[in-house]
């Protein structure tokens, strides 16, 4: 996940990992809101492709229908928990 963060930061698309893509009603949205939504969706699609490219086939199938925000949230939480358990096992009691 660290590499994804570095790549998205380099491409100025890191925000899609931290900001949920909220659906908007096109009939009620202002032109500025529509432009922001479309840009976020376009960037999220690009980051999604990068993230899937770094995964094995099994993981790709599991995450192919998620946006990067959700993928990051799931993967980061899992990684954090795994690190915590590993650190807990190795720490002296």
Protein backbone atom coordinates (compact mmCIF):
# COMPACT_ATOMS: atom_id res chain seq x y z
CA UNK A 1 0.00 0.00 0.00
CA UNK A 2 2.98 2.28 0.59
CA UNK A 3 3.88 2.17 -3.11
CA UNK A 4 0.34 3.09 -4.11
CA UNK A 5 0.50 6.11 -1.82
CA UNK A 6 3.81 7.22 -3.39
CA UNK A 7 2.54 6.75 -6.95
CA UNK A 8 -0.70 8.60 -6.31
CA UNK A 9 1.17 11.42 -4.59
CA UNK A 10 3.48 11.72 -7.59
CA UNK A 11 0.50 11.84 -9.96
CA UNK A 12 -1.40 14.35 -7.73
CA UNK A 13 -4.18 11.81 -7.19
CA UNK A 14 -3.51 10.84 -3.59
CA UNK A 15 -6.75 12.46 -2.48
CA UNK A 16 -8.81 9.62 -3.99
CA UNK A 17 -7.41 7.29 -1.31
CA UNK A 18 -8.61 9.58 1.48
CA UNK A 19 -11.80 11.15 0.12
CA UNK A 20 -14.89 9.10 -0.59
CA UNK A 21 -16.47 9.67 -4.00
CA UNK A 22 -19.97 10.81 -3.13
CA UNK A 23 -22.64 10.42 -5.78
CA UNK A 24 -24.40 13.59 -6.77
CA UNK A 25 -27.69 14.30 -8.48
CA UNK A 26 -26.80 15.75 -11.90
CA UNK A 27 -30.15 17.54 -12.09
CA UNK A 28 -29.48 19.47 -8.88
CA UNK A 29 -25.69 19.89 -9.01
CA UNK A 30 -24.04 23.12 -10.00
CA UNK A 31 -21.58 23.08 -12.92
CA UNK A 32 -18.72 23.35 -10.42
CA UNK A 33 -20.00 20.35 -8.45
CA UNK A 34 -20.38 18.33 -11.66
CA UNK A 35 -16.85 19.22 -12.77
CA UNK A 36 -15.41 18.28 -9.36
CA UNK A 37 -17.32 14.98 -9.33
CA UNK A 38 -16.22 14.09 -12.86
CA UNK A 39 -12.58 14.92 -12.09
CA UNK A 40 -12.68 12.84 -8.89
CA UNK A 41 -14.32 9.92 -10.73
CA UNK A 42 -11.74 10.11 -13.54
CA UNK A 43 -8.84 10.20 -11.06
CA UNK A 44 -10.37 7.36 -9.02
CA UNK A 45 -10.61 5.22 -12.15
CA UNK A 46 -6.93 5.79 -12.93
CA UNK A 47 -5.86 4.98 -9.37
CA UNK A 48 -8.13 1.93 -9.37
CA UNK A 49 -6.29 0.59 -12.43
CA UNK A 50 -2.91 1.18 -10.79
CA UNK A 51 -4.03 -0.54 -7.60
CA UNK A 52 -5.41 -3.56 -9.44
CA UNK A 53 -2.23 -3.85 -11.51
CA UNK A 54 -0.23 -4.37 -8.31
CA UNK A 55 -2.44 -7.26 -7.12
CA UNK A 56 -2.51 -10.92 -7.95
CA UNK A 57 -5.48 -12.31 -9.89
CA UNK A 58 -7.37 -13.46 -6.80
CA UNK A 59 -7.18 -10.01 -5.19
CA UNK A 60 -8.07 -8.32 -8.48
CA UNK A 61 -11.30 -10.29 -8.58
CA UNK A 62 -12.10 -9.32 -4.99
CA UNK A 63 -11.51 -5.60 -5.52
CA UNK A 64 -12.48 -5.00 -9.16
CA UNK A 65 -15.84 -3.41 -8.28
CA UNK A 66 -14.56 -1.05 -5.56
CA UNK A 67 -13.34 2.49 -5.72
CA UNK A 68 -9.82 3.25 -4.41
CA UNK A 69 -11.16 4.87 -1.23
CA UNK A 70 -12.91 1.65 -0.20
CA UNK A 71 -9.96 -0.52 -1.30
CA UNK A 72 -7.53 1.63 0.65
CA UNK A 73 -9.72 1.61 3.73
CA UNK A 74 -9.99 -2.20 3.70
CA UNK A 75 -6.34 -2.85 2.85
CA UNK A 76 -4.96 -0.25 5.25
CA UNK A 77 -7.07 -1.50 8.14
CA UNK A 78 -6.03 -5.09 7.44
CA UNK A 79 -2.35 -4.14 7.19
CA UNK A 80 -2.50 -2.11 10.37
CA UNK A 81 -4.15 -4.96 12.25
CA UNK A 82 -1.64 -7.47 10.92
CA UNK A 83 1.27 -5.26 11.98
CA UNK A 84 -0.25 -4.76 15.40
CA UNK A 85 -0.70 -8.50 15.95
CA UNK A 86 2.84 -9.17 14.74
CA UNK A 87 4.23 -6.50 17.05
CA UNK A 88 2.17 -7.85 19.93
CA UNK A 89 3.51 -11.38 19.41
CA UNK A 90 7.13 -10.24 19.34
CA UNK A 91 6.96 -7.88 22.30
CA UNK A 92 8.18 -9.19 25.63
CA UNK A 93 5.56 -9.75 28.33
